[in-house]
Amino acid sequence: MPKDIVQVEIKRIPLDIESSGLGMVELADLAASVEKYMQKLQEEGEIDTLKQALMAALHFAARAYLQTQNEGGKRQEEEARVDDLILKLKSALDAPHK
């Protein structure tokens, strides 16, 4: 089964990326974000492209990690609320009716 390959460009370097559930527009947008962040790093001080790429990769990995952590916390909070509602409903159903 052929894989869906999308070509993007970062810092004038063409890259063939396996789409892995993302479309061409999303991958192009992500590539543009990486290039923009790398440009920002270069403006802060002259560093080589490999170091820029590694710093950008770490930056975006950290953002993804933090977003995952925040979503996990929200999910636990929502589950606790649902559990609380379930207990309240059970106690209301078990209470003797007048």
N, C-alpha and C. Protein backbone atom coordinates (compact mmCIF):
# COMPACT_ATOMS: atom_id res chain seq x y z
N MET A 1 0.85 -1.18 0.00
CA MET A 1 0.00 0.00 0.00
C MET A 1 0.90 1.24 0.00
N PRO A 2 0.73 2.13 -1.01
CA PRO A 2 1.59 3.32 -1.07
C PRO A 2 1.27 4.30 0.04
N LYS A 3 2.32 4.91 0.54
CA LYS A 3 2.17 5.90 1.62
C LYS A 3 1.92 7.26 1.00
N ASP A 4 1.14 8.09 1.69
CA ASP A 4 0.90 9.45 1.22
C ASP A 4 2.08 10.32 1.61
N ILE A 5 2.76 10.84 0.60
CA ILE A 5 3.94 11.67 0.81
C ILE A 5 3.60 13.09 0.39
N VAL A 6 3.94 14.04 1.25
CA VAL A 6 3.73 15.46 0.99
C VAL A 6 5.10 16.12 1.00
N GLN A 7 5.33 16.98 0.01
CA GLN A 7 6.61 17.69 -0.01
C GLN A 7 6.41 19.08 0.56
N VAL A 8 7.25 19.42 1.54
CA VAL A 8 7.27 20.76 2.14
C VAL A 8 8.68 21.30 2.01
N GLU A 9 8.83 22.56 2.30
CA GLU A 9 10.15 23.18 2.20
C GLU A 9 10.40 24.01 3.45
N ILE A 10 11.58 23.81 4.05
CA ILE A 10 12.00 24.59 5.20
C ILE A 10 13.40 25.11 4.90
N LYS A 11 13.54 26.43 4.96
CA LYS A 11 14.84 27.07 4.71
C LYS A 11 15.40 26.64 3.35
N ARG A 12 14.54 26.62 2.34
CA ARG A 12 14.88 26.25 0.96
C ARG A 12 15.34 24.80 0.81
N ILE A 13 15.01 23.97 1.78
CA ILE A 13 15.34 22.54 1.71
C ILE A 13 14.04 21.76 1.54
N PRO A 14 13.86 21.09 0.38
CA PRO A 14 12.65 20.30 0.19
C PRO A 14 12.68 19.03 1.03
N LEU A 15 11.55 18.73 1.65
CA LEU A 15 11.45 17.54 2.49
C LEU A 15 10.22 16.74 2.09
N ASP A 16 10.38 15.44 1.89
CA ASP A 16 9.26 14.55 1.63
C ASP A 16 8.81 13.98 2.96
N ILE A 17 7.57 14.29 3.35
CA ILE A 17 7.05 13.90 4.65
C ILE A 17 5.88 12.95 4.46
N GLU A 18 5.86 11.86 5.22
CA GLU A 18 4.72 10.97 5.23
C GLU A 18 3.58 11.69 5.95
N SER A 19 2.43 11.75 5.33
CA SER A 19 1.35 12.60 5.84
C SER A 19 0.84 12.16 7.21
N SER A 20 0.85 10.92 7.55
CA SER A 20 0.47 10.40 8.87
C SER A 20 -0.78 11.06 9.46
N GLY A 21 -1.83 11.16 8.64
CA GLY A 21 -3.09 11.70 9.14
C GLY A 21 -3.24 13.20 8.97
N LEU A 22 -2.20 13.89 8.59
CA LEU A 22 -2.28 15.32 8.35
C LEU A 22 -2.33 15.58 6.85
N GLY A 23 -3.06 16.60 6.46
CA GLY A 23 -3.15 16.95 5.05
C GLY A 23 -2.02 17.86 4.62
N MET A 24 -2.02 18.14 3.32
CA MET A 24 -0.97 18.97 2.74
C MET A 24 -0.98 20.37 3.36
N VAL A 25 -2.16 20.93 3.59
CA VAL A 25 -2.26 22.29 4.15
C VAL A 25 -1.70 22.32 5.57
N GLU A 26 -2.06 21.32 6.38
CA GLU A 26 -1.58 21.28 7.76
C GLU A 26 -0.06 21.13 7.81
N LEU A 27 0.48 20.24 6.98
CA LEU A 27 1.94 20.03 6.97
C LEU A 27 2.66 21.27 6.47
N ALA A 28 2.12 21.93 5.45
CA ALA A 28 2.74 23.16 4.95
C ALA A 28 2.71 24.24 6.02
N ASP A 29 1.62 24.32 6.77
CA ASP A 29 1.51 25.30 7.85
C ASP A 29 2.52 25.00 8.96
N LEU A 30 2.66 23.72 9.31
CA LEU A 30 3.65 23.35 10.33
C LEU A 30 5.07 23.66 9.86
N ALA A 31 5.35 23.37 8.60
CA ALA A 31 6.68 23.68 8.05
C ALA A 31 6.95 25.18 8.10
N ALA A 32 5.93 25.98 7.79
CA ALA A 32 6.08 27.44 7.85
C ALA A 32 6.34 27.89 9.28
N SER A 33 5.67 27.26 10.24
CA SER A 33 5.89 27.61 11.66
C SER A 33 7.31 27.29 12.09
N VAL A 34 7.81 26.14 11.64
CA VAL A 34 9.19 25.75 11.97
C VAL A 34 10.17 26.74 11.35
N GLU A 35 9.95 27.08 10.08
CA GLU A 35 10.86 28.01 9.42
C GLU A 35 10.83 29.38 10.09
N LYS A 36 9.64 29.83 10.48
CA LYS A 36 9.52 31.13 11.16
C LYS A 36 10.27 31.11 12.49
N TYR A 37 10.14 30.01 13.25
CA TYR A 37 10.84 29.91 14.54
C TYR A 37 12.35 29.86 14.32
N MET A 38 12.79 29.13 13.29
CA MET A 38 14.22 29.06 12.99
C MET A 38 14.75 30.44 12.60
N GLN A 39 13.95 31.21 11.85
CA GLN A 39 14.36 32.56 11.47
C GLN A 39 14.50 33.44 12.72
N LYS A 40 13.59 33.27 13.66
CA LYS A 40 13.65 34.04 14.91
C LYS A 40 14.94 33.70 15.66
N LEU A 41 15.29 32.41 15.71
CA LEU A 41 16.53 32.01 16.37
C LEU A 41 17.74 32.63 15.69
N GLN A 42 17.72 32.68 14.38
CA GLN A 42 18.84 33.24 13.63
C GLN A 42 18.98 34.74 13.90
N GLU A 43 17.85 35.43 14.04
CA GLU A 43 17.90 36.87 14.30
C GLU A 43 18.46 37.17 15.69
N GLU A 44 18.28 36.24 16.63
CA GLU A 44 18.79 36.43 17.99
C GLU A 44 20.30 36.28 18.05
N GLY A 45 20.86 35.60 17.09
CA GLY A 45 22.31 35.40 17.05
C GLY A 45 22.63 34.40 15.96
N GLU A 46 23.72 34.61 15.28
CA GLU A 46 24.07 33.74 14.16
C GLU A 46 24.44 32.35 14.67
N ILE A 47 23.62 31.38 14.31
CA ILE A 47 23.92 29.98 14.64
C ILE A 47 23.70 29.14 13.40
N ASP A 48 24.32 27.98 13.37
CA ASP A 48 24.21 27.15 12.17
C ASP A 48 22.82 26.54 12.04
N THR A 49 22.49 26.12 10.83
CA THR A 49 21.16 25.61 10.52
C THR A 49 20.82 24.36 11.31
N LEU A 50 21.78 23.47 11.53
CA LEU A 50 21.52 22.25 12.28
C LEU A 50 21.12 22.59 13.72
N LYS A 51 21.84 23.51 14.32
CA LYS A 51 21.51 23.91 15.69
C LYS A 51 20.13 24.57 15.73
N GLN A 52 19.82 25.40 14.73
CA GLN A 52 18.49 26.00 14.65
C GLN A 52 17.43 24.92 14.57
N ALA A 53 17.66 23.91 13.72
CA ALA A 53 16.69 22.83 13.54
C ALA A 53 16.48 22.06 14.83
N LEU A 54 17.57 21.77 15.54
CA LEU A 54 17.46 21.03 16.79
C LEU A 54 16.73 21.85 17.86
N MET A 55 17.02 23.14 17.93
CA MET A 55 16.35 23.99 18.90
C MET A 55 14.86 24.13 18.56
N ALA A 56 14.56 24.24 17.27
CA ALA A 56 13.16 24.33 16.85
C ALA A 56 12.43 23.03 17.16
N ALA A 57 13.06 21.89 16.89
CA ALA A 57 12.45 20.59 17.19
C ALA A 57 12.15 20.47 18.68
N LEU A 58 13.09 20.85 19.51
CA LEU A 58 12.88 20.79 20.95
C LEU A 58 11.76 21.74 21.39
N HIS A 59 11.73 22.93 20.81
CA HIS A 59 10.69 23.91 21.13
C HIS A 59 9.30 23.35 20.83
N PHE A 60 9.13 22.81 19.62
CA PHE A 60 7.81 22.30 19.24
C PHE A 60 7.47 21.01 19.97
N ALA A 61 8.45 20.19 20.29
CA ALA A 61 8.20 18.98 21.08
C ALA A 61 7.74 19.36 22.49
N ALA A 62 8.37 20.38 23.07
CA ALA A 62 7.98 20.83 24.41
C ALA A 62 6.56 21.38 24.40
N ARG A 63 6.20 22.15 23.37
CA ARG A 63 4.84 22.68 23.26
C ARG A 63 3.82 21.55 23.15
N ALA A 64 4.13 20.54 22.34
CA ALA A 64 3.22 19.40 22.18
C ALA A 64 3.09 18.63 23.50
N TYR A 65 4.20 18.47 24.20
CA TYR A 65 4.19 17.76 25.48
C TYR A 65 3.32 18.51 26.50
N LEU A 66 3.52 19.80 26.59
CA LEU A 66 2.74 20.61 27.55
C LEU A 66 1.26 20.59 27.20
N GLN A 67 0.94 20.64 25.93
CA GLN A 67 -0.46 20.59 25.52
C GLN A 67 -1.07 19.25 25.90
N THR A 68 -0.34 18.17 25.71
CA THR A 68 -0.82 16.84 26.08
C THR A 68 -1.03 16.76 27.59
N GLN A 69 -0.10 17.31 28.36
CA GLN A 69 -0.23 17.30 29.82
C GLN A 69 -1.45 18.09 30.26
N ASN A 70 -1.67 19.26 29.66
CA ASN A 70 -2.82 20.09 30.01
C ASN A 70 -4.12 19.40 29.66
N GLU A 71 -4.16 18.74 28.51
CA GLU A 71 -5.37 18.02 28.11
C GLU A 71 -5.64 16.87 29.06
N GLY A 72 -4.59 16.19 29.51
CA GLY A 72 -4.75 15.09 30.46
C GLY A 72 -5.33 15.59 31.78
N GLY A 73 -4.88 16.74 32.24
CA GLY A 73 -5.40 17.31 33.48
C GLY A 73 -6.85 17.71 33.34
N LYS A 74 -7.21 18.28 32.21
CA LYS A 74 -8.60 18.67 31.97
C LYS A 74 -9.48 17.43 31.91
N ARG A 75 -8.98 16.38 31.28
CA ARG A 75 -9.75 15.15 31.17
C ARG A 75 -10.01 14.56 32.55
N GLN A 76 -9.00 14.55 33.41
CA GLN A 76 -9.17 14.03 34.77
C GLN A 76 -10.18 14.87 35.55
N GLU A 77 -10.13 16.17 35.36
CA GLU A 77 -11.06 17.08 36.02
C GLU A 77 -12.50 16.80 35.55
N GLU A 78 -12.67 16.60 34.25
CA GLU A 78 -14.00 16.30 33.71
C GLU A 78 -14.50 14.95 34.21
N GLU A 79 -13.62 13.96 34.28
CA GLU A 79 -14.01 12.64 34.78
C GLU A 79 -14.43 12.72 36.24
N ALA A 80 -13.74 13.53 37.02
CA ALA A 80 -14.10 13.69 38.43
C ALA A 80 -15.49 14.33 38.55
N ARG A 81 -15.78 15.31 37.70
CA ARG A 81 -17.11 15.93 37.71
C ARG A 81 -18.19 14.93 37.33
N VAL A 82 -17.92 14.11 36.31
CA VAL A 82 -18.89 13.10 35.89
C VAL A 82 -19.11 12.09 37.01
N ASP A 83 -18.03 11.65 37.65
CA ASP A 83 -18.16 10.71 38.77
C ASP A 83 -19.00 11.31 39.89
N ASP A 84 -18.78 12.58 40.17
CA ASP A 84 -19.55 13.28 41.22
C ASP A 84 -21.03 13.33 40.84
N LEU A 85 -21.33 13.63 39.58
CA LEU A 85 -22.72 13.66 39.13
C LEU A 85 -23.37 12.28 39.22
N ILE A 86 -22.62 11.25 38.89
CA ILE A 86 -23.14 9.88 38.97
C ILE A 86 -23.50 9.55 40.42
N LEU A 87 -22.61 9.90 41.35
CA LEU A 87 -22.90 9.65 42.77
C LEU A 87 -24.14 10.40 43.23
N LYS A 88 -24.28 11.64 42.81
CA LYS A 88 -25.45 12.44 43.19
C LYS A 88 -26.73 11.83 42.62
N LEU A 89 -26.67 11.39 41.37
CA LEU A 89 -27.84 10.76 40.76
C LEU A 89 -28.21 9.46 41.45
N LYS A 90 -27.20 8.66 41.78
CA LYS A 90 -27.46 7.39 42.49
C LYS A 90 -28.09 7.65 43.85
N SER A 91 -27.56 8.62 44.59
CA SER A 91 -28.11 8.90 45.90
C SER A 91 -29.51 9.48 45.79
N ALA A 92 -29.78 10.26 44.74
CA ALA A 92 -31.13 10.79 44.55
C ALA A 92 -32.11 9.66 44.19
N LEU A 93 -31.65 8.69 43.41
CA LEU A 93 -32.52 7.57 43.05
C LEU A 93 -32.73 6.62 44.22
N ASP A 94 -31.73 6.48 45.07
CA ASP A 94 -31.83 5.56 46.22
C ASP A 94 -32.59 6.17 47.39
N ALA A 95 -32.73 7.48 47.41
CA ALA A 95 -33.39 8.15 48.54
C ALA A 95 -34.88 7.76 48.54
N PRO A 96 -35.43 7.54 49.75
CA PRO A 96 -36.85 7.19 49.83
C PRO A 96 -37.73 8.36 49.37
N HIS A 97 -38.75 8.03 48.61
CA HIS A 97 -39.65 9.07 48.08
C HIS A 97 -40.77 9.30 49.09
N LYS A 98 -41.19 10.52 49.27
CA LYS A 98 -42.26 10.88 50.22
C LYS A 98 -43.60 10.83 49.55
